[in-house]
Amino acid sequence: MEGIEMLKYAAENGLVMGQTFLGEAYERGQIGEKINDKEAIKFYFKAAKQNRGYYSHVAQLRLRDFRASNKILAGEEDIENVIKIYVEELKYYYDGKEKMLENIH
């Protein structure tokens, strides 16, 4: 539990990697007793909007997937802009290959 508190502290204080990892923990149901997509989306947006490298790109990918499954509605939280940034970053940094972003490491 101490590790989760440290992760929350890092995420709340703007660390992109912490925000992305915390989003993933909520998405997988590793915090609390069940999956919490609402909290996952909240932290993914924080990381995605910073657009600072790999962990922001992972968060952008996750948000795009949430949008595709209608867990984020069109117009919500500026999702279209986040996806637009993601598509551009994917072409520029990853040569269009999402495989590099599918697993956080």
PDB file of N, CA and C in Angstrom:
ATOM      1  N   MET A   1       0.819  -1.195   0.000  1.00  0.00           N
ATOM      2  CA  MET A   1       0.000   0.000   0.000  1.00  0.00           C
ATOM      3  C   MET A   1       0.865   1.262   0.000  1.00  0.00           C
ATOM      4  N   GLU A   2       2.026   1.202   0.625  1.00  0.00           N
ATOM      5  CA  GLU A   2       2.920   2.351   0.658  1.00  0.00           C
ATOM      6  C   GLU A   2       3.354   2.748  -0.752  1.00  0.00           C
ATOM      7  N   GLY A   3       3.579   1.759  -1.603  1.00  0.00           N
ATOM      8  CA  GLY A   3       3.962   2.014  -2.999  1.00  0.00           C
ATOM      9  C   GLY A   3       2.869   2.748  -3.749  1.00  0.00           C
ATOM     10  N   ILE A   4       1.627   2.384  -3.513  1.00  0.00           N
ATOM     11  CA  ILE A   4       0.494   3.052  -4.161  1.00  0.00           C
ATOM     12  C   ILE A   4       0.423   4.505  -3.713  1.00  0.00           C
ATOM     13  N   GLU A   5       0.646   4.754  -2.436  1.00  0.00           N
ATOM     14  CA  GLU A   5       0.619   6.129  -1.924  1.00  0.00           C
ATOM     15  C   GLU A   5       1.728   6.962  -2.561  1.00  0.00           C
ATOM     16  N   MET A   6       2.889   6.379  -2.741  1.00  0.00           N
ATOM     17  CA  MET A   6       3.989   7.076  -3.401  1.00  0.00           C
ATOM     18  C   MET A   6       3.644   7.366  -4.857  1.00  0.00           C
ATOM     19  N   LEU A   7       3.026   6.401  -5.516  1.00  0.00           N
ATOM     20  CA  LEU A   7       2.617   6.568  -6.908  1.00  0.00           C
ATOM     21  C   LEU A   7       1.571   7.676  -7.028  1.00  0.00           C
ATOM     22  N   LYS A   8       0.616   7.701  -6.113  1.00  0.00           N
ATOM     23  CA  LYS A   8      -0.403   8.756  -6.109  1.00  0.00           C
ATOM     24  C   LYS A   8       0.247  10.121  -5.899  1.00  0.00           C
ATOM     25  N   TYR A   9       1.182  10.195  -4.980  1.00  0.00           N
ATOM     26  CA  TYR A   9       1.877  11.453  -4.716  1.00  0.00           C
ATOM     27  C   TYR A   9       2.603  11.934  -5.979  1.00  0.00           C
ATOM     28  N   ALA A  10       3.324  11.043  -6.633  1.00  0.00           N
ATOM     29  CA  ALA A  10       4.060  11.404  -7.853  1.00  0.00           C
ATOM     30  C   ALA A  10       3.096  11.863  -8.945  1.00  0.00           C
ATOM     31  N   ALA A  11       1.992  11.139  -9.113  1.00  0.00           N
ATOM     32  CA  ALA A  11       1.017  11.477 -10.147  1.00  0.00           C
ATOM     33  C   ALA A  11       0.357  12.822  -9.874  1.00  0.00           C
ATOM     34  N   GLU A  12      -0.031  13.052  -8.635  1.00  0.00           N
ATOM     35  CA  GLU A  12      -0.690  14.316  -8.280  1.00  0.00           C
ATOM     36  C   GLU A  12       0.262  15.509  -8.389  1.00  0.00           C
ATOM     37  N   ASN A  13       1.556  15.249  -8.346  1.00  0.00           N
ATOM     38  CA  ASN A  13       2.540  16.321  -8.451  1.00  0.00           C
ATOM     39  C   ASN A  13       3.140  16.442  -9.853  1.00  0.00           C
ATOM     40  N   GLY A  14       2.456  15.871 -10.845  1.00  0.00           N
ATOM     41  CA  GLY A  14       2.785  16.132 -12.238  1.00  0.00           C
ATOM     42  C   GLY A  14       3.739  15.192 -12.929  1.00  0.00           C
ATOM     43  N   LEU A  15       4.178  14.130 -12.287  1.00  0.00           N
ATOM     44  CA  LEU A  15       5.099  13.198 -12.935  1.00  0.00           C
ATOM     45  C   LEU A  15       4.338  12.347 -13.955  1.00  0.00           C
ATOM     46  N   VAL A  16       4.684  12.508 -15.214  1.00  0.00           N
ATOM     47  CA  VAL A  16       3.976  11.819 -16.298  1.00  0.00           C
ATOM     48  C   VAL A  16       4.000  10.308 -16.109  1.00  0.00           C
ATOM     49  N   MET A  17       5.154   9.759 -15.796  1.00  0.00           N
ATOM     50  CA  MET A  17       5.260   8.315 -15.613  1.00  0.00           C
ATOM     51  C   MET A  17       4.339   7.858 -14.488  1.00  0.00           C
ATOM     52  N   GLY A  18       4.302   8.587 -13.394  1.00  0.00           N
ATOM     53  CA  GLY A  18       3.422   8.248 -12.277  1.00  0.00           C
ATOM     54  C   GLY A  18       1.960   8.306 -12.667  1.00  0.00           C
ATOM     55  N   GLN A  19       1.583   9.303 -13.454  1.00  0.00           N
ATOM     56  CA  GLN A  19       0.193   9.431 -13.905  1.00  0.00           C
ATOM     57  C   GLN A  19      -0.210   8.250 -14.784  1.00  0.00           C
ATOM     58  N   THR A  20       0.688   7.873 -15.675  1.00  0.00           N
ATOM     59  CA  THR A  20       0.385   6.757 -16.575  1.00  0.00           C
ATOM     60  C   THR A  20       0.303   5.441 -15.802  1.00  0.00           C
ATOM     61  N   PHE A  21       1.261   5.198 -14.919  1.00  0.00           N
ATOM     62  CA  PHE A  21       1.228   3.969 -14.118  1.00  0.00           C
ATOM     63  C   PHE A  21       0.007   3.929 -13.206  1.00  0.00           C
ATOM     64  N   LEU A  22      -0.359   5.058 -12.640  1.00  0.00           N
ATOM     65  CA  LEU A  22      -1.544   5.092 -11.779  1.00  0.00           C
ATOM     66  C   LEU A  22      -2.808   4.837 -12.604  1.00  0.00           C
ATOM     67  N   GLY A  23      -2.878   5.422 -13.784  1.00  0.00           N
ATOM     68  CA  GLY A  23      -4.008   5.140 -14.673  1.00  0.00           C
ATOM     69  C   GLY A  23      -4.114   3.656 -14.979  1.00  0.00           C
ATOM     70  N   GLU A  24      -2.974   3.044 -15.251  1.00  0.00           N
ATOM     71  CA  GLU A  24      -2.973   1.612 -15.543  1.00  0.00           C
ATOM     72  C   GLU A  24      -3.412   0.793 -14.325  1.00  0.00           C
ATOM     73  N   ALA A  25      -2.964   1.191 -13.145  1.00  0.00           N
ATOM     74  CA  ALA A  25      -3.350   0.475 -11.925  1.00  0.00           C
ATOM     75  C   ALA A  25      -4.863   0.542 -11.722  1.00  0.00           C
ATOM     76  N   TYR A  26      -5.460   1.701 -11.949  1.00  0.00           N
ATOM     77  CA  TYR A  26      -6.920   1.811 -11.841  1.00  0.00           C
ATOM     78  C   TYR A  26      -7.612   1.000 -12.934  1.00  0.00           C
ATOM     79  N   GLU A  27      -7.059   1.041 -14.147  1.00  0.00           N
ATOM     80  CA  GLU A  27      -7.656   0.302 -15.263  1.00  0.00           C
ATOM     81  C   GLU A  27      -7.632  -1.205 -15.023  1.00  0.00           C
ATOM     82  N   ARG A  28      -6.606  -1.695 -14.362  1.00  0.00           N
ATOM     83  CA  ARG A  28      -6.477  -3.134 -14.096  1.00  0.00           C
ATOM     84  C   ARG A  28      -7.144  -3.576 -12.790  1.00  0.00           C
ATOM     85  N   GLY A  29      -7.659  -2.619 -12.036  1.00  0.00           N
ATOM     86  CA  GLY A  29      -8.297  -2.969 -10.770  1.00  0.00           C
ATOM     87  C   GLY A  29      -7.312  -3.280  -9.664  1.00  0.00           C
ATOM     88  N   GLN A  30      -6.131  -2.691  -9.732  1.00  0.00           N
ATOM     89  CA  GLN A  30      -5.101  -2.944  -8.722  1.00  0.00           C
ATOM     90  C   GLN A  30      -5.204  -1.999  -7.524  1.00  0.00           C
ATOM     91  N   ILE A  31      -6.099  -1.036  -7.594  1.00  0.00           N
ATOM     92  CA  ILE A  31      -6.333  -0.116  -6.489  1.00  0.00           C
ATOM     93  C   ILE A  31      -7.804  -0.243  -6.121  1.00  0.00           C
ATOM     94  N   GLY A  32      -8.064  -0.491  -4.864  1.00  0.00           N
ATOM     95  CA  GLY A  32      -9.447  -0.741  -4.474  1.00  0.00           C
ATOM     96  C   GLY A  32      -9.813  -2.178  -4.793  1.00  0.00           C
ATOM     97  N   GLU A  33     -11.073  -2.428  -4.903  1.00  0.00           N
ATOM     98  CA  GLU A  33     -11.518  -3.805  -5.101  1.00  0.00           C
ATOM     99  C   GLU A  33     -11.984  -4.110  -6.516  1.00  0.00           C
ATOM    100  N   LYS A  34     -12.011  -3.089  -7.383  1.00  0.00           N
ATOM    101  CA  LYS A  34     -12.482  -3.346  -8.748  1.00  0.00           C
ATOM    102  C   LYS A  34     -11.860  -2.356  -9.730  1.00  0.00           C
ATOM    103  N   ILE A  35     -12.044  -2.621 -10.996  1.00  0.00           N
ATOM    104  CA  ILE A  35     -11.577  -1.739 -12.060  1.00  0.00           C
ATOM    105  C   ILE A  35     -12.277  -0.393 -11.918  1.00  0.00           C
ATOM    106  N   ASN A  36     -11.517   0.671 -12.098  1.00  0.00           N
ATOM    107  CA  ASN A  36     -12.076   2.014 -11.982  1.00  0.00           C
ATOM    108  C   ASN A  36     -11.669   2.818 -13.219  1.00  0.00           C
ATOM    109  N   ASP A  37     -12.453   2.658 -14.297  1.00  0.00           N
ATOM    110  CA  ASP A  37     -12.139   3.340 -15.553  1.00  0.00           C
ATOM    111  C   ASP A  37     -12.165   4.858 -15.409  1.00  0.00           C
ATOM    112  N   LYS A  38     -13.051   5.371 -14.575  1.00  0.00           N
ATOM    113  CA  LYS A  38     -13.159   6.824 -14.400  1.00  0.00           C
ATOM    114  C   LYS A  38     -11.839   7.408 -13.875  1.00  0.00           C
ATOM    115  N   GLU A  39     -11.265   6.779 -12.862  1.00  0.00           N
ATOM    116  CA  GLU A  39      -9.983   7.247 -12.321  1.00  0.00           C
ATOM    117  C   GLU A  39      -8.853   6.994 -13.311  1.00  0.00           C
ATOM    118  N   ALA A  40      -8.894   5.866 -14.007  1.00  0.00           N
ATOM    119  CA  ALA A  40      -7.864   5.579 -15.017  1.00  0.00           C
ATOM    120  C   ALA A  40      -7.861   6.675 -16.075  1.00  0.00           C
ATOM    121  N   ILE A  41      -9.022   7.016 -16.568  1.00  0.00           N
ATOM    122  CA  ILE A  41      -9.140   8.052 -17.593  1.00  0.00           C
ATOM    123  C   ILE A  41      -8.633   9.388 -17.068  1.00  0.00           C
ATOM    124  N   LYS A  42      -8.959   9.720 -15.842  1.00  0.00           N
ATOM    125  CA  LYS A  42      -8.519  10.975 -15.235  1.00  0.00           C
ATOM    126  C   LYS A  42      -6.995  11.089 -15.259  1.00  0.00           C
ATOM    127  N   PHE A  43      -6.300  10.031 -14.847  1.00  0.00           N
ATOM    128  CA  PHE A  43      -4.840  10.094 -14.800  1.00  0.00           C
ATOM    129  C   PHE A  43      -4.207   9.958 -16.174  1.00  0.00           C
ATOM    130  N   TYR A  44      -4.823   9.179 -17.056  1.00  0.00           N
ATOM    131  CA  TYR A  44      -4.319   9.120 -18.432  1.00  0.00           C
ATOM    132  C   TYR A  44      -4.403  10.496 -19.098  1.00  0.00           C
ATOM    133  N   PHE A  45      -5.499  11.223 -18.868  1.00  0.00           N
ATOM    134  CA  PHE A  45      -5.610  12.563 -19.449  1.00  0.00           C
ATOM    135  C   PHE A  45      -4.522  13.489 -18.925  1.00  0.00           C
ATOM    136  N   LYS A  46      -4.227  13.403 -17.651  1.00  0.00           N
ATOM    137  CA  LYS A  46      -3.176  14.250 -17.088  1.00  0.00           C
ATOM    138  C   LYS A  46      -1.848  13.982 -17.789  1.00  0.00           C
ATOM    139  N   ALA A  47      -1.531  12.725 -17.996  1.00  0.00           N
ATOM    140  CA  ALA A  47      -0.272  12.365 -18.663  1.00  0.00           C
ATOM    141  C   ALA A  47      -0.310  12.708 -20.148  1.00  0.00           C
ATOM    142  N   ALA A  48      -1.417  12.414 -20.788  1.00  0.00           N
ATOM    143  CA  ALA A  48      -1.533  12.624 -22.239  1.00  0.00           C
ATOM    144  C   ALA A  48      -1.418  14.092 -22.618  1.00  0.00           C
ATOM    145  N   LYS A  49      -2.031  14.945 -21.833  1.00  0.00           N
ATOM    146  CA  LYS A  49      -2.025  16.374 -22.154  1.00  0.00           C
ATOM    147  C   LYS A  49      -0.642  17.013 -21.996  1.00  0.00           C
ATOM    148  N   GLN A  50       0.210  16.411 -21.190  1.00  0.00           N
ATOM    149  CA  GLN A  50       1.572  16.943 -21.054  1.00  0.00           C
ATOM    150  C   GLN A  50       2.389  16.668 -22.315  1.00  0.00           C
ATOM    151  N   ASN A  51       2.080  15.598 -23.018  1.00  0.00           N
ATOM    152  CA  ASN A  51       2.760  15.221 -24.257  1.00  0.00           C
ATOM    153  C   ASN A  51       4.283  15.283 -24.118  1.00  0.00           C
ATOM    154  N   ARG A  52       4.772  14.572 -23.099  1.00  0.00           N
ATOM    155  CA  ARG A  52       6.207  14.554 -22.819  1.00  0.00           C
ATOM    156  C   ARG A  52       6.801  13.169 -22.971  1.00  0.00           C
ATOM    157  N   GLY A  53       6.805  12.660 -24.160  1.00  0.00           N
ATOM    158  CA  GLY A  53       7.497  11.414 -24.422  1.00  0.00           C
ATOM    159  C   GLY A  53       6.688  10.151 -24.209  1.00  0.00           C
ATOM    160  N   TYR A  54       7.415   9.074 -24.039  1.00  0.00           N
ATOM    161  CA  TYR A  54       6.865   7.716 -24.062  1.00  0.00           C
ATOM    162  C   TYR A  54       5.630   7.529 -23.174  1.00  0.00           C
ATOM    163  N   TYR A  55       5.692   7.920 -21.923  1.00  0.00           N
ATOM    164  CA  TYR A  55       4.577   7.646 -21.023  1.00  0.00           C
ATOM    165  C   TYR A  55       3.346   8.473 -21.371  1.00  0.00           C
ATOM    166  N   SER A  56       3.548   9.674 -21.898  1.00  0.00           N
ATOM    167  CA  SER A  56       2.408  10.439 -22.410  1.00  0.00           C
ATOM    168  C   SER A  56       1.800   9.734 -23.611  1.00  0.00           C
ATOM    169  N   HIS A  57       2.642   9.173 -24.455  1.00  0.00           N
ATOM    170  CA  HIS A  57       2.148   8.479 -25.646  1.00  0.00           C
ATOM    171  C   HIS A  57       1.378   7.211 -25.274  1.00  0.00           C
ATOM    172  N   VAL A  58       1.850   6.511 -24.267  1.00  0.00           N
ATOM    173  CA  VAL A  58       1.120   5.331 -23.781  1.00  0.00           C
ATOM    174  C   VAL A  58      -0.258   5.766 -23.277  1.00  0.00           C
ATOM    175  N   ALA A  59      -0.311   6.857 -22.509  1.00  0.00           N
ATOM    176  CA  ALA A  59      -1.586   7.363 -22.000  1.00  0.00           C
ATOM    177  C   ALA A  59      -2.502   7.774 -23.154  1.00  0.00           C
ATOM    178  N   GLN A  60      -1.939   8.392 -24.176  1.00  0.00           N
ATOM    179  CA  GLN A  60      -2.735   8.778 -25.347  1.00  0.00           C
ATOM    180  C   GLN A  60      -3.320   7.547 -26.043  1.00  0.00           C
ATOM    181  N   LEU A  61      -2.517   6.502 -26.169  1.00  0.00           N
ATOM    182  CA  LEU A  61      -3.010   5.251 -26.758  1.00  0.00           C
ATOM    183  C   LEU A  61      -4.157   4.682 -25.938  1.00  0.00           C
ATOM    184  N   ARG A  62      -3.994   4.651 -24.628  1.00  0.00           N
ATOM    185  CA  ARG A  62      -5.049   4.110 -23.762  1.00  0.00           C
ATOM    186  C   ARG A  62      -6.335   4.925 -23.905  1.00  0.00           C
ATOM    187  N   LEU A  63      -6.195   6.247 -23.960  1.00  0.00           N
ATOM    188  CA  LEU A  63      -7.377   7.096 -24.111  1.00  0.00           C
ATOM    189  C   LEU A  63      -8.053   6.871 -25.461  1.00  0.00           C
ATOM    190  N   ARG A  64      -7.247   6.687 -26.492  1.00  0.00           N
ATOM    191  CA  ARG A  64      -7.836   6.387 -27.804  1.00  0.00           C
ATOM    192  C   ARG A  64      -8.645   5.090 -27.742  1.00  0.00           C
ATOM    193  N   ASP A  65      -8.122   4.108 -27.030  1.00  0.00           N
ATOM    194  CA  ASP A  65      -8.838   2.843 -26.883  1.00  0.00           C
ATOM    195  C   ASP A  65     -10.121   3.010 -26.066  1.00  0.00           C
ATOM    196  N   PHE A  66     -10.059   3.819 -25.010  1.00  0.00           N
ATOM    197  CA  PHE A  66     -11.274   4.114 -24.236  1.00  0.00           C
ATOM    198  C   PHE A  66     -12.305   4.813 -25.118  1.00  0.00           C
ATOM    199  N   ARG A  67     -11.845   5.722 -25.972  1.00  0.00           N
ATOM    200  CA  ARG A  67     -12.766   6.425 -26.884  1.00  0.00           C
ATOM    201  C   ARG A  67     -13.383   5.440 -27.868  1.00  0.00           C
ATOM    202  N   ALA A  68     -12.578   4.538 -28.399  1.00  0.00           N
ATOM    203  CA  ALA A  68     -13.069   3.552 -29.367  1.00  0.00           C
ATOM    204  C   ALA A  68     -14.128   2.643 -28.751  1.00  0.00           C
ATOM    205  N   SER A  69     -14.031   2.400 -27.450  1.00  0.00           N
ATOM    206  CA  SER A  69     -15.012   1.539 -26.778  1.00  0.00           C
ATOM    207  C   SER A  69     -16.152   2.354 -26.154  1.00  0.00           C
ATOM    208  N   ASN A  70     -16.219   3.635 -26.513  1.00  0.00           N
ATOM    209  CA  ASN A  70     -17.271   4.557 -26.041  1.00  0.00           C
ATOM    210  C   ASN A  70     -17.274   4.774 -24.531  1.00  0.00           C
ATOM    211  N   LYS A  71     -16.159   4.537 -23.882  1.00  0.00           N
ATOM    212  CA  LYS A  71     -16.059   4.852 -22.453  1.00  0.00           C
ATOM    213  C   LYS A  71     -15.743   6.330 -22.260  1.00  0.00           C
ATOM    214  N   ILE A  72     -15.297   6.979 -23.336  1.00  0.00           N
ATOM    215  CA  ILE A  72     -15.148   8.427 -23.390  1.00  0.00           C
ATOM    216  C   ILE A  72     -15.970   8.877 -24.588  1.00  0.00           C
ATOM    217  N   LEU A  73     -16.855   9.798 -24.375  1.00  0.00           N
ATOM    218  CA  LEU A  73     -17.725  10.261 -25.448  1.00  0.00           C
ATOM    219  C   LEU A  73     -17.048  11.361 -26.258  1.00  0.00           C
ATOM    220  N   ALA A  74     -17.487  11.518 -27.500  1.00  0.00           N
ATOM    221  CA  ALA A  74     -16.965  12.577 -28.364  1.00  0.00           C
ATOM    222  C   ALA A  74     -17.133  13.918 -27.656  1.00  0.00           C
ATOM    223  N   GLY A  75     -16.101  14.735 -27.698  1.00  0.00           N
ATOM    224  CA  GLY A  75     -16.152  16.049 -27.081  1.00  0.00           C
ATOM    225  C   GLY A  75     -15.797  16.070 -25.605  1.00  0.00           C
ATOM    226  N   GLU A  76     -15.744  14.919 -24.988  1.00  0.00           N
ATOM    227  CA  GLU A  76     -15.446  14.842 -23.557  1.00  0.00           C
ATOM    228  C   GLU A  76     -13.955  15.031 -23.312  1.00  0.00           C
ATOM    229  N   GLU A  77     -13.621  15.908 -22.386  1.00  0.00           N
ATOM    230  CA  GLU A  77     -12.227  16.120 -21.957  1.00  0.00           C
ATOM    231  C   GLU A  77     -11.265  16.392 -23.121  1.00  0.00           C
ATOM    232  N   ASP A  78     -11.761  16.967 -24.203  1.00  0.00           N
ATOM    233  CA  ASP A  78     -10.904  17.292 -25.342  1.00  0.00           C
ATOM    234  C   ASP A  78     -10.262  16.041 -25.957  1.00  0.00           C
ATOM    235  N   ILE A  79     -11.009  14.949 -25.973  1.00  0.00           N
ATOM    236  CA  ILE A  79     -10.468  13.672 -26.455  1.00  0.00           C
ATOM    237  C   ILE A  79     -10.003  13.733 -27.904  1.00  0.00           C
ATOM    238  N   GLU A  80     -10.716  14.469 -28.743  1.00  0.00           N
ATOM    239  CA  GLU A  80     -10.323  14.529 -30.153  1.00  0.00           C
ATOM    240  C   GLU A  80      -8.935  15.139 -30.315  1.00  0.00           C
ATOM    241  N   ASN A  81      -8.633  16.177 -29.538  1.00  0.00           N
ATOM    242  CA  ASN A  81      -7.311  16.793 -29.601  1.00  0.00           C
ATOM    243  C   ASN A  81      -6.235  15.826 -29.120  1.00  0.00           C
ATOM    244  N   VAL A  82      -6.510  15.090 -28.061  1.00  0.00           N
ATOM    245  CA  VAL A  82      -5.549  14.107 -27.550  1.00  0.00           C
ATOM    246  C   VAL A  82      -5.270  13.042 -28.606  1.00  0.00           C
ATOM    247  N   ILE A  83      -6.313  12.566 -29.267  1.00  0.00           N
ATOM    248  CA  ILE A  83      -6.129  11.540 -30.303  1.00  0.00           C
ATOM    249  C   ILE A  83      -5.356  12.112 -31.491  1.00  0.00           C
ATOM    250  N   LYS A  84      -5.650  13.342 -31.862  1.00  0.00           N
ATOM    251  CA  LYS A  84      -4.926  13.985 -32.964  1.00  0.00           C
ATOM    252  C   LYS A  84      -3.436  14.076 -32.643  1.00  0.00           C
ATOM    253  N   ILE A  85      -3.114  14.500 -31.433  1.00  0.00           N
ATOM    254  CA  ILE A  85      -1.711  14.577 -31.014  1.00  0.00           C
ATOM    255  C   ILE A  85      -1.081  13.187 -31.055  1.00  0.00           C
ATOM    256  N   TYR A  86      -1.815  12.190 -30.568  1.00  0.00           N
ATOM    257  CA  TYR A  86      -1.298  10.819 -30.548  1.00  0.00           C
ATOM    258  C   TYR A  86      -0.954  10.337 -31.953  1.00  0.00           C
ATOM    259  N   VAL A  87      -1.847  10.557 -32.902  1.00  0.00           N
ATOM    260  CA  VAL A  87      -1.628  10.100 -34.278  1.00  0.00           C
ATOM    261  C   VAL A  87      -0.374  10.751 -34.861  1.00  0.00           C
ATOM    262  N   GLU A  88      -0.195  12.041 -34.618  1.00  0.00           N
ATOM    263  CA  GLU A  88       0.998  12.730 -35.095  1.00  0.00           C
ATOM    264  C   GLU A  88       2.269  12.194 -34.426  1.00  0.00           C
ATOM    265  N   GLU A  89       2.209  12.002 -33.117  1.00  0.00           N
ATOM    266  CA  GLU A  89       3.369  11.490 -32.386  1.00  0.00           C
ATOM    267  C   GLU A  89       3.718  10.071 -32.835  1.00  0.00           C
ATOM    268  N   LEU A  90       2.696   9.273 -33.091  1.00  0.00           N
ATOM    269  CA  LEU A  90       2.922   7.893 -33.532  1.00  0.00           C
ATOM    270  C   LEU A  90       3.701   7.871 -34.841  1.00  0.00           C
ATOM    271  N   LYS A  91       3.324   8.738 -35.765  1.00  0.00           N
ATOM    272  CA  LYS A  91       4.031   8.801 -37.053  1.00  0.00           C
ATOM    273  C   LYS A  91       5.469   9.286 -36.870  1.00  0.00           C
ATOM    274  N   TYR A  92       5.628  10.286 -36.042  1.00  0.00           N
ATOM    275  CA  TYR A  92       6.926  10.922 -35.906  1.00  0.00           C
ATOM    276  C   TYR A  92       7.920  10.084 -35.099  1.00  0.00           C
ATOM    277  N   TYR A  93       7.477   9.578 -33.962  1.00  0.00           N
ATOM    278  CA  TYR A  93       8.401   8.876 -33.062  1.00  0.00           C
ATOM    279  C   TYR A  93       8.456   7.362 -33.248  1.00  0.00           C
ATOM    280  N   TYR A  94       7.356   6.772 -33.657  1.00  0.00           N
ATOM    281  CA  TYR A  94       7.281   5.308 -33.647  1.00  0.00           C
ATOM    282  C   TYR A  94       7.032   4.706 -35.016  1.00  0.00           C
ATOM    283  N   ASP A  95       7.132   5.512 -36.040  1.00  0.00           N
ATOM    284  CA  ASP A  95       6.963   5.048 -37.409  1.00  0.00           C
ATOM    285  C   ASP A  95       5.643   4.307 -37.593  1.00  0.00           C
ATOM    286  N   GLY A  96       4.615   4.752 -36.878  1.00  0.00           N
ATOM    287  CA  GLY A  96       3.288   4.162 -37.004  1.00  0.00           C
ATOM    288  C   GLY A  96       3.109   2.826 -36.306  1.00  0.00           C
ATOM    289  N   LYS A  97       4.095   2.403 -35.538  1.00  0.00           N
ATOM    290  CA  LYS A  97       4.047   1.077 -34.902  1.00  0.00           C
ATOM    291  C   LYS A  97       3.607   1.187 -33.454  1.00  0.00           C
ATOM    292  N   GLU A  98       2.363   0.847 -33.186  1.00  0.00           N
ATOM    293  CA  GLU A  98       1.816   0.937 -31.831  1.00  0.00           C
ATOM    294  C   GLU A  98       2.347  -0.137 -30.899  1.00  0.00           C
ATOM    295  N   LYS A  99       2.886  -1.202 -31.428  1.00  0.00           N
ATOM    296  CA  LYS A  99       3.379  -2.307 -30.583  1.00  0.00           C
ATOM    297  C   LYS A  99       4.307  -1.791 -29.497  1.00  0.00           C
ATOM    298  N   MET A 100       5.103  -0.781 -29.814  1.00  0.00           N
ATOM    299  CA  MET A 100       6.057  -0.244 -28.846  1.00  0.00           C
ATOM    300  C   MET A 100       5.365   0.405 -27.649  1.00  0.00           C
ATOM    301  N   LEU A 101       4.092   0.742 -27.792  1.00  0.00           N
ATOM    302  CA  LEU A 101       3.384   1.453 -26.743  1.00  0.00           C
ATOM    303  C   LEU A 101       2.373   0.585 -26.002  1.00  0.00           C
ATOM    304  N   GLU A 102       2.218  -0.649 -26.403  1.00  0.00           N
ATOM    305  CA  GLU A 102       1.176  -1.488 -25.835  1.00  0.00           C
ATOM    306  C   GLU A 102       1.460  -1.948 -24.403  1.00  0.00           C
ATOM    307  N   ASN A 103       2.704  -2.039 -24.038  1.00  0.00           N
ATOM    308  CA  ASN A 103       3.062  -2.493 -22.689  1.00  0.00           C
ATOM    309  C   ASN A 103       3.918  -1.440 -22.006  1.00  0.00           C
ATOM    310  N   ILE A 104       3.463  -1.026 -20.855  1.00  0.00           N
ATOM    311  CA  ILE A 104       4.263  -0.082 -20.079  1.00  0.00           C
ATOM    312  C   ILE A 104       5.431  -0.856 -19.482  1.00  0.00           C
ATOM    313  N   HIS A 105       6.613  -0.277 -19.555  1.00  0.00           N
ATOM    314  CA  HIS A 105       7.786  -0.921 -18.959  1.00  0.00           C
ATOM    315  C   HIS A 105       8.584   0.043 -18.147  1.00  0.00           C
TER     316      HIS A 105
END
